[in-house]
Amino acid sequence: MGNMGLLDLPRLGRGAVNIGRFAADLFPPNVSVLPTVAVAIVETLQIAFVGTLLGFAAALPLALIATPTLFGPAITGPARLALAVVRTIPSLFWGIIFVVAVGLGPAAGTLGIALYSLGYLGKLFYEIFEGVDPEVLEAVRAVGCNRLQLARYALLPEAANNLLAQLLFMFEYNVRASSIMGFVGAGGIGFYLLGYIQMLQYDRLMTALVATLVVVIAIDQISARVRRLVLVPTSLGAPA
C-alpha cells in the first residue's frame, strides 16, 4: 500500500481538497447543452444496440462450434482460442483499432463494441450450451439427429432463456462502454464528456453525466422487465 501512495497522508489530503473543488465546479449543471447531449446519447444507444446485435450474430454460431457436445477438440480448441483472443482486447482498444481502420465516428465505435461483444457472448454462450441437461441431448441423439438438428432441437431451445438474459446484460454493459468510445473519436456522448473535461467546463460535464445516468438506469429497468416478461418456453421440440 505504501508503494501505491495510499499511506501518503499529505498527498491524500491534497487529493481530497482537489476533489472538493472539482465537485463544487460541477454545480449548478448547465442545462443549455441538453439538446446536444441528447443527440449524442441517442448516437451512443445506436452504437450499443447495433454493436450488440452484430456481436450476437457472430457469437452464436461460433459458440456452437466451440461446444464439445457438437464437435471434438480439434474444432472447439481453435474456436475457444479465437474467442479468448478477441475477449482479451478491451472495447476501448478495439475502438482505437477501428478508428484507424475506418476513421472517426460511430462506425468505429459500433465495430469495436461488436468485436468486444463477440468475445464475451461467445464464451458465455458455449458455457450455457455445456450446461444443457445431458438427458435432453441423449433423447435427441436417440432419434438419429445430426449436429445441426441437435443444436436446433436441443441446445438452442433449452438454453434460450439464459441466452436472452446474457444478451440483455451485454446490451446494458455496452451502453456504458459506448459512453466512453468518444474518448478515442469513436462517436457517442464520450466525445462531449472528454471535451468538457479538457475545456474545464465541469457544469456542462455534470449535465452530460446526469443525462447519461438517467438513460442507463432506464435501460436497466427496461431490461429487467423484459427478462421477467419474455420467458422463452424450454420444452423440447420434436424434429420433423
C-alpha atoms as a PDB file:
ATOM      1  CA  MET A   1       0.000   0.000   0.000  1.00  0.00           C
ATOM      2  CA  GLY A   2       2.880   2.317   0.756  1.00  0.00           C
ATOM      3  CA  ASN A   3       4.309   1.848  -2.738  1.00  0.00           C
ATOM      4  CA  MET A   4       0.955   2.937  -4.197  1.00  0.00           C
ATOM      5  CA  GLY A   5       0.878   6.132  -2.155  1.00  0.00           C
ATOM      6  CA  LEU A   6      -2.147   5.125  -0.108  1.00  0.00           C
ATOM      7  CA  LEU A   7      -0.283   5.882   3.122  1.00  0.00           C
ATOM      8  CA  ASP A   8       0.945   9.293   1.976  1.00  0.00           C
ATOM      9  CA  LEU A   9      -1.381  11.388   4.135  1.00  0.00           C
ATOM     10  CA  PRO A  10      -0.323  14.837   2.822  1.00  0.00           C
ATOM     11  CA  ARG A  11      -0.878  13.630  -0.732  1.00  0.00           C
ATOM     12  CA  LEU A  12      -4.271  12.183   0.167  1.00  0.00           C
ATOM     13  CA  GLY A  13      -5.182  15.436   1.879  1.00  0.00           C
ATOM     14  CA  ARG A  14      -4.349  17.456  -1.220  1.00  0.00           C
ATOM     15  CA  GLY A  15      -6.380  14.999  -3.263  1.00  0.00           C
ATOM     16  CA  ALA A  16      -9.396  15.465  -1.020  1.00  0.00           C
ATOM     17  CA  VAL A  17      -9.144  19.243  -1.429  1.00  0.00           C
ATOM     18  CA  ASN A  18      -8.917  18.907  -5.219  1.00  0.00           C
ATOM     19  CA  ILE A  19     -11.932  16.598  -5.289  1.00  0.00           C
ATOM     20  CA  GLY A  20     -13.880  19.134  -3.241  1.00  0.00           C
ATOM     21  CA  ARG A  21     -13.042  21.910  -5.709  1.00  0.00           C
ATOM     22  CA  PHE A  22     -13.939  19.693  -8.636  1.00  0.00           C
ATOM     23  CA  ALA A  23     -17.283  18.769  -7.053  1.00  0.00           C
ATOM     24  CA  ALA A  24     -18.061  22.424  -6.392  1.00  0.00           C
ATOM     25  CA  ASP A  25     -17.420  23.285 -10.057  1.00  0.00           C
ATOM     26  CA  LEU A  26     -19.964  20.668 -11.166  1.00  0.00           C
ATOM     27  CA  PHE A  27     -22.872  22.688  -9.759  1.00  0.00           C
ATOM     28  CA  PRO A  28     -25.157  24.046 -10.909  1.00  0.00           C
ATOM     29  CA  PRO A  29     -25.381  21.920 -14.074  1.00  0.00           C
ATOM     30  CA  ASN A  30     -25.503  23.867 -17.326  1.00  0.00           C
ATOM     31  CA  VAL A  31     -28.743  22.668 -18.936  1.00  0.00           C
ATOM     32  CA  SER A  32     -28.154  24.716 -22.092  1.00  0.00           C
ATOM     33  CA  VAL A  33     -26.213  21.769 -23.530  1.00  0.00           C
ATOM     34  CA  LEU A  34     -29.102  19.310 -23.112  1.00  0.00           C
ATOM     35  CA  PRO A  35     -30.096  19.268 -26.823  1.00  0.00           C
ATOM     36  CA  THR A  36     -26.511  18.494 -27.847  1.00  0.00           C
ATOM     37  CA  VAL A  37     -26.169  15.892 -25.111  1.00  0.00           C
ATOM     38  CA  ALA A  38     -29.470  14.252 -26.074  1.00  0.00           C
ATOM     39  CA  VAL A  39     -28.354  13.789 -29.689  1.00  0.00           C
ATOM     40  CA  ALA A  40     -25.040  12.317 -28.523  1.00  0.00           C
ATOM     41  CA  ILE A  41     -26.799   9.902 -26.144  1.00  0.00           C
ATOM     42  CA  VAL A  42     -29.052   8.691 -28.975  1.00  0.00           C
ATOM     43  CA  GLU A  43     -25.919   8.020 -31.019  1.00  0.00           C
ATOM     44  CA  THR A  44     -24.436   6.143 -28.042  1.00  0.00           C
ATOM     45  CA  LEU A  45     -27.541   3.954 -27.813  1.00  0.00           C
ATOM     46  CA  GLN A  46     -27.366   3.252 -31.541  1.00  0.00           C
ATOM     47  CA  ILE A  47     -23.713   2.218 -31.230  1.00  0.00           C
ATOM     48  CA  ALA A  48     -24.522  -0.085 -28.299  1.00  0.00           C
ATOM     49  CA  PHE A  49     -27.607  -1.614 -29.936  1.00  0.00           C
ATOM     50  CA  VAL A  50     -26.142  -2.294 -33.375  1.00  0.00           C
ATOM     51  CA  GLY A  51     -22.805  -3.387 -31.923  1.00  0.00           C
ATOM     52  CA  THR A  52     -24.535  -5.837 -29.585  1.00  0.00           C
ATOM     53  CA  LEU A  53     -26.621  -7.296 -32.412  1.00  0.00           C
ATOM     54  CA  LEU A  54     -23.585  -7.745 -34.658  1.00  0.00           C
ATOM     55  CA  GLY A  55     -21.645  -9.344 -31.807  1.00  0.00           C
ATOM     56  CA  PHE A  56     -24.551 -11.659 -31.025  1.00  0.00           C
ATOM     57  CA  ALA A  57     -24.932 -12.691 -34.675  1.00  0.00           C
ATOM     58  CA  ALA A  58     -21.272 -13.711 -34.799  1.00  0.00           C
ATOM     59  CA  ALA A  59     -21.050 -15.146 -31.271  1.00  0.00           C
ATOM     60  CA  LEU A  60     -23.933 -17.624 -31.530  1.00  0.00           C
ATOM     61  CA  PRO A  61     -22.545 -19.805 -34.361  1.00  0.00           C
ATOM     62  CA  LEU A  62     -19.005 -19.535 -33.008  1.00  0.00           C
ATOM     63  CA  ALA A  63     -20.215 -20.632 -29.570  1.00  0.00           C
ATOM     64  CA  LEU A  64     -21.893 -23.664 -31.131  1.00  0.00           C
ATOM     65  CA  ILE A  65     -18.628 -24.529 -32.875  1.00  0.00           C
ATOM     66  CA  ALA A  66     -16.848 -24.211 -29.509  1.00  0.00           C
ATOM     67  CA  THR A  67     -19.288 -26.597 -27.766  1.00  0.00           C
ATOM     68  CA  PRO A  68     -17.866 -30.120 -27.089  1.00  0.00           C
ATOM     69  CA  THR A  69     -21.359 -31.569 -27.355  1.00  0.00           C
ATOM     70  CA  LEU A  70     -21.260 -30.888 -31.083  1.00  0.00           C
ATOM     71  CA  PHE A  71     -17.584 -31.002 -32.055  1.00  0.00           C
ATOM     72  CA  GLY A  72     -14.298 -32.516 -30.964  1.00  0.00           C
ATOM     73  CA  PRO A  73     -11.225 -30.746 -29.512  1.00  0.00           C
ATOM     74  CA  ALA A  74      -9.688 -30.197 -32.951  1.00  0.00           C
ATOM     75  CA  ILE A  75     -12.544 -27.778 -33.728  1.00  0.00           C
ATOM     76  CA  THR A  76     -13.587 -26.476 -30.314  1.00  0.00           C
ATOM     77  CA  GLY A  77      -9.994 -25.660 -29.305  1.00  0.00           C
ATOM     78  CA  PRO A  78      -9.281 -23.115 -32.067  1.00  0.00           C
ATOM     79  CA  ALA A  79     -12.782 -21.628 -31.697  1.00  0.00           C
ATOM     80  CA  ARG A  80     -12.287 -21.071 -27.967  1.00  0.00           C
ATOM     81  CA  LEU A  81      -8.811 -19.666 -28.565  1.00  0.00           C
ATOM     82  CA  ALA A  82     -10.202 -17.172 -31.079  1.00  0.00           C
ATOM     83  CA  LEU A  83     -12.857 -16.058 -28.593  1.00  0.00           C
ATOM     84  CA  ALA A  84     -10.232 -15.704 -25.864  1.00  0.00           C
ATOM     85  CA  VAL A  85      -8.038 -13.526 -28.079  1.00  0.00           C
ATOM     86  CA  VAL A  86     -10.945 -11.256 -29.023  1.00  0.00           C
ATOM     87  CA  ARG A  87     -12.076 -11.076 -25.401  1.00  0.00           C
ATOM     88  CA  THR A  88      -8.621 -10.115 -24.146  1.00  0.00           C
ATOM     89  CA  ILE A  89      -8.618  -6.799 -26.025  1.00  0.00           C
ATOM     90  CA  PRO A  90     -10.651  -4.083 -24.197  1.00  0.00           C
ATOM     91  CA  SER A  91     -13.524  -2.460 -26.063  1.00  0.00           C
ATOM     92  CA  LEU A  92     -11.787   0.934 -25.957  1.00  0.00           C
ATOM     93  CA  PHE A  93      -8.737  -0.503 -27.700  1.00  0.00           C
ATOM     94  CA  TRP A  94     -10.983  -2.125 -30.316  1.00  0.00           C
ATOM     95  CA  GLY A  95     -12.402   1.370 -30.806  1.00  0.00           C
ATOM     96  CA  ILE A  96      -8.896   2.739 -31.435  1.00  0.00           C
ATOM     97  CA  ILE A  97      -8.198  -0.032 -33.940  1.00  0.00           C
ATOM     98  CA  PHE A  98     -11.364   0.711 -35.916  1.00  0.00           C
ATOM     99  CA  VAL A  99     -10.806   4.471 -35.776  1.00  0.00           C
ATOM    100  CA  VAL A 100      -7.531   3.764 -37.564  1.00  0.00           C
ATOM    101  CA  ALA A 101      -9.296   1.349 -39.945  1.00  0.00           C
ATOM    102  CA  VAL A 102     -12.484   3.241 -40.864  1.00  0.00           C
ATOM    103  CA  GLY A 103     -11.922   6.740 -39.485  1.00  0.00           C
ATOM    104  CA  LEU A 104     -13.540   8.802 -36.753  1.00  0.00           C
ATOM    105  CA  GLY A 105     -17.223   8.413 -35.972  1.00  0.00           C
ATOM    106  CA  PRO A 106     -19.869   5.972 -34.760  1.00  0.00           C
ATOM    107  CA  ALA A 107     -18.962   3.267 -37.300  1.00  0.00           C
ATOM    108  CA  ALA A 108     -15.670   2.704 -35.472  1.00  0.00           C
ATOM    109  CA  GLY A 109     -17.437   2.586 -32.115  1.00  0.00           C
ATOM    110  CA  THR A 110     -20.042   0.143 -33.386  1.00  0.00           C
ATOM    111  CA  LEU A 111     -17.432  -2.238 -34.778  1.00  0.00           C
ATOM    112  CA  GLY A 112     -15.416  -2.011 -31.558  1.00  0.00           C
ATOM    113  CA  ILE A 113     -18.470  -2.881 -29.456  1.00  0.00           C
ATOM    114  CA  ALA A 114     -19.338  -5.708 -31.855  1.00  0.00           C
ATOM    115  CA  LEU A 115     -15.905  -7.358 -31.509  1.00  0.00           C
ATOM    116  CA  TYR A 116     -15.926  -6.988 -27.732  1.00  0.00           C
ATOM    117  CA  SER A 117     -19.446  -8.461 -27.569  1.00  0.00           C
ATOM    118  CA  LEU A 118     -18.377 -11.342 -29.800  1.00  0.00           C
ATOM    119  CA  GLY A 119     -15.632 -12.349 -27.378  1.00  0.00           C
ATOM    120  CA  TYR A 120     -17.725 -12.255 -24.228  1.00  0.00           C
ATOM    121  CA  LEU A 121     -21.006 -13.551 -25.602  1.00  0.00           C
ATOM    122  CA  GLY A 122     -19.194 -16.398 -27.353  1.00  0.00           C
ATOM    123  CA  LYS A 123     -17.679 -17.582 -24.062  1.00  0.00           C
ATOM    124  CA  LEU A 124     -20.922 -17.168 -22.112  1.00  0.00           C
ATOM    125  CA  PHE A 125     -22.930 -18.942 -24.780  1.00  0.00           C
ATOM    126  CA  TYR A 126     -20.744 -22.045 -25.080  1.00  0.00           C
ATOM    127  CA  GLU A 127     -20.708 -22.353 -21.295  1.00  0.00           C
ATOM    128  CA  ILE A 128     -24.522 -22.201 -21.346  1.00  0.00           C
ATOM    129  CA  PHE A 129     -24.643 -24.889 -24.045  1.00  0.00           C
ATOM    130  CA  GLU A 130     -22.341 -27.095 -21.968  1.00  0.00           C
ATOM    131  CA  GLY A 131     -24.804 -26.836 -19.082  1.00  0.00           C
ATOM    132  CA  VAL A 132     -27.771 -28.232 -21.034  1.00  0.00           C
ATOM    133  CA  ASP A 133     -29.235 -31.376 -19.446  1.00  0.00           C
ATOM    134  CA  PRO A 134     -27.410 -34.422 -20.931  1.00  0.00           C
ATOM    135  CA  GLU A 135     -30.633 -36.442 -20.838  1.00  0.00           C
ATOM    136  CA  VAL A 136     -32.237 -33.989 -23.244  1.00  0.00           C
ATOM    137  CA  LEU A 137     -29.272 -34.301 -25.593  1.00  0.00           C
ATOM    138  CA  GLU A 138     -29.368 -38.087 -25.461  1.00  0.00           C
ATOM    139  CA  ALA A 139     -33.085 -38.098 -26.225  1.00  0.00           C
ATOM    140  CA  VAL A 140     -32.475 -36.086 -29.390  1.00  0.00           C
ATOM    141  CA  ARG A 141     -29.477 -38.184 -30.401  1.00  0.00           C
ATOM    142  CA  ALA A 142     -31.534 -41.339 -29.954  1.00  0.00           C
ATOM    143  CA  VAL A 143     -33.746 -40.438 -32.921  1.00  0.00           C
ATOM    144  CA  GLY A 144     -30.728 -40.077 -35.213  1.00  0.00           C
ATOM    145  CA  CYS A 145     -30.289 -36.292 -35.293  1.00  0.00           C
ATOM    146  CA  ASN A 146     -27.162 -34.767 -36.810  1.00  0.00           C
ATOM    147  CA  ARG A 147     -25.200 -31.870 -35.269  1.00  0.00           C
ATOM    148  CA  LEU A 148     -27.355 -29.172 -36.827  1.00  0.00           C
ATOM    149  CA  GLN A 149     -30.562 -30.818 -35.620  1.00  0.00           C
ATOM    150  CA  LEU A 150     -29.065 -31.343 -32.158  1.00  0.00           C
ATOM    151  CA  ALA A 151     -28.364 -27.633 -31.940  1.00  0.00           C
ATOM    152  CA  ARG A 152     -31.778 -26.717 -33.379  1.00  0.00           C
ATOM    153  CA  TYR A 153     -33.954 -29.022 -31.283  1.00  0.00           C
ATOM    154  CA  ALA A 154     -31.982 -29.379 -28.047  1.00  0.00           C
ATOM    155  CA  LEU A 155     -29.259 -26.841 -27.339  1.00  0.00           C
ATOM    156  CA  LEU A 156     -30.969 -23.673 -28.544  1.00  0.00           C
ATOM    157  CA  PRO A 157     -34.460 -24.324 -27.052  1.00  0.00           C
ATOM    158  CA  GLU A 158     -33.071 -25.461 -23.694  1.00  0.00           C
ATOM    159  CA  ALA A 159     -30.619 -22.559 -23.450  1.00  0.00           C
ATOM    160  CA  ALA A 160     -32.934 -19.850 -24.833  1.00  0.00           C
ATOM    161  CA  ASN A 161     -33.770 -18.165 -21.519  1.00  0.00           C
ATOM    162  CA  ASN A 162     -30.140 -17.931 -20.471  1.00  0.00           C
ATOM    163  CA  LEU A 163     -29.088 -16.730 -23.917  1.00  0.00           C
ATOM    164  CA  LEU A 164     -31.665 -13.940 -23.749  1.00  0.00           C
ATOM    165  CA  ALA A 165     -30.593 -12.925 -20.255  1.00  0.00           C
ATOM    166  CA  GLN A 166     -26.935 -12.713 -21.279  1.00  0.00           C
ATOM    167  CA  LEU A 167     -27.794 -10.785 -24.448  1.00  0.00           C
ATOM    168  CA  LEU A 168     -29.741  -8.197 -22.458  1.00  0.00           C
ATOM    169  CA  PHE A 169     -26.929  -7.911 -19.933  1.00  0.00           C
ATOM    170  CA  MET A 170     -24.424  -7.409 -22.751  1.00  0.00           C
ATOM    171  CA  PHE A 171     -26.535  -4.585 -24.163  1.00  0.00           C
ATOM    172  CA  GLU A 172     -26.704  -2.911 -20.742  1.00  0.00           C
ATOM    173  CA  TYR A 173     -22.938  -3.179 -20.443  1.00  0.00           C
ATOM    174  CA  ASN A 174     -22.372  -1.907 -23.965  1.00  0.00           C
ATOM    175  CA  VAL A 175     -24.432   1.227 -23.288  1.00  0.00           C
ATOM    176  CA  ARG A 176     -21.895   2.065 -20.585  1.00  0.00           C
ATOM    177  CA  ALA A 177     -18.934   1.017 -22.732  1.00  0.00           C
ATOM    178  CA  SER A 178     -20.215   3.095 -25.659  1.00  0.00           C
ATOM    179  CA  SER A 179     -20.335   6.146 -23.400  1.00  0.00           C
ATOM    180  CA  ILE A 180     -16.538   6.368 -23.423  1.00  0.00           C
ATOM    181  CA  MET A 181     -15.944   5.346 -27.039  1.00  0.00           C
ATOM    182  CA  GLY A 182     -15.911   9.039 -27.912  1.00  0.00           C
ATOM    183  CA  PHE A 183     -12.714   9.402 -25.887  1.00  0.00           C
ATOM    184  CA  VAL A 184     -10.877   7.873 -28.863  1.00  0.00           C
ATOM    185  CA  GLY A 185     -13.023   9.516 -31.541  1.00  0.00           C
ATOM    186  CA  ALA A 186     -15.441   6.613 -31.988  1.00  0.00           C
ATOM    187  CA  GLY A 187     -18.651   8.622 -31.587  1.00  0.00           C
ATOM    188  CA  GLY A 188     -21.255   8.979 -28.859  1.00  0.00           C
ATOM    189  CA  ILE A 189     -21.511  11.002 -25.668  1.00  0.00           C
ATOM    190  CA  GLY A 190     -17.884  10.267 -24.769  1.00  0.00           C
ATOM    191  CA  PHE A 191     -16.716  12.859 -27.297  1.00  0.00           C
ATOM    192  CA  TYR A 192     -18.505  15.572 -25.342  1.00  0.00           C
ATOM    193  CA  LEU A 193     -17.505  14.196 -21.940  1.00  0.00           C
ATOM    194  CA  LEU A 194     -13.853  14.383 -22.942  1.00  0.00           C
ATOM    195  CA  GLY A 195     -14.293  17.845 -24.468  1.00  0.00           C
ATOM    196  CA  TYR A 196     -15.958  19.239 -21.349  1.00  0.00           C
ATOM    197  CA  ILE A 197     -13.163  17.837 -19.188  1.00  0.00           C
ATOM    198  CA  GLN A 198     -10.428  19.249 -21.401  1.00  0.00           C
ATOM    199  CA  MET A 199     -12.120  22.668 -21.506  1.00  0.00           C
ATOM    200  CA  LEU A 200     -12.727  22.607 -17.724  1.00  0.00           C
ATOM    201  CA  GLN A 201     -16.467  23.047 -18.372  1.00  0.00           C
ATOM    202  CA  TYR A 202     -17.489  20.947 -15.411  1.00  0.00           C
ATOM    203  CA  ASP A 203     -21.028  22.345 -15.221  1.00  0.00           C
ATOM    204  CA  ARG A 204     -21.648  21.018 -18.739  1.00  0.00           C
ATOM    205  CA  LEU A 205     -19.937  17.777 -17.792  1.00  0.00           C
ATOM    206  CA  MET A 206     -22.374  17.371 -14.926  1.00  0.00           C
ATOM    207  CA  THR A 207     -25.342  17.771 -17.267  1.00  0.00           C
ATOM    208  CA  ALA A 208     -23.953  15.128 -19.614  1.00  0.00           C
ATOM    209  CA  LEU A 209     -23.220  12.736 -16.742  1.00  0.00           C
ATOM    210  CA  VAL A 210     -26.684  13.086 -15.215  1.00  0.00           C
ATOM    211  CA  ALA A 211     -28.372  12.602 -18.593  1.00  0.00           C
ATOM    212  CA  THR A 212     -26.257   9.504 -19.244  1.00  0.00           C
ATOM    213  CA  LEU A 213     -27.059   8.147 -15.773  1.00  0.00           C
ATOM    214  CA  VAL A 214     -30.795   8.597 -16.336  1.00  0.00           C
ATOM    215  CA  VAL A 215     -30.598   6.708 -19.636  1.00  0.00           C
ATOM    216  CA  VAL A 216     -28.533   3.886 -18.123  1.00  0.00           C
ATOM    217  CA  ILE A 217     -30.985   3.475 -15.233  1.00  0.00           C
ATOM    218  CA  ALA A 218     -33.891   3.439 -17.690  1.00  0.00           C
ATOM    219  CA  ILE A 219     -32.151   0.760 -19.777  1.00  0.00           C
ATOM    220  CA  ASP A 220     -31.564  -1.320 -16.636  1.00  0.00           C
ATOM    221  CA  GLN A 221     -35.229  -1.099 -15.668  1.00  0.00           C
ATOM    222  CA  ILE A 222     -36.499  -1.927 -19.157  1.00  0.00           C
ATOM    223  CA  SER A 223     -34.087  -4.843 -19.432  1.00  0.00           C
ATOM    224  CA  ALA A 224     -35.205  -6.238 -16.067  1.00  0.00           C
ATOM    225  CA  ARG A 225     -38.845  -6.003 -17.155  1.00  0.00           C
ATOM    226  CA  VAL A 226     -38.117  -7.750 -20.448  1.00  0.00           C
ATOM    227  CA  ARG A 227     -36.339 -10.572 -18.599  1.00  0.00           C
ATOM    228  CA  ARG A 228     -39.406 -11.039 -16.389  1.00  0.00           C
ATOM    229  CA  LEU A 229     -41.953 -10.929 -19.207  1.00  0.00           C
ATOM    230  CA  VAL A 230     -40.170 -12.652 -22.094  1.00  0.00           C
ATOM    231  CA  LEU A 231     -39.605 -16.173 -20.803  1.00  0.00           C
ATOM    232  CA  VAL A 232     -38.998 -18.490 -23.720  1.00  0.00           C
ATOM    233  CA  PRO A 233     -40.528 -21.962 -23.207  1.00  0.00           C
ATOM    234  CA  THR A 234     -37.837 -24.638 -22.956  1.00  0.00           C
ATOM    235  CA  SER A 235     -39.981 -27.634 -23.801  1.00  0.00           C
ATOM    236  CA  LEU A 236     -38.173 -29.974 -26.146  1.00  0.00           C
ATOM    237  CA  GLY A 237     -39.436 -29.813 -29.715  1.00  0.00           C
ATOM    238  CA  ALA A 238     -39.505 -32.938 -31.835  1.00  0.00           C
ATOM    239  CA  PRO A 239     -37.535 -32.741 -35.070  1.00  0.00           C
ATOM    240  CA  ALA A 240     -39.518 -33.058 -38.233  1.00  0.00           C
END
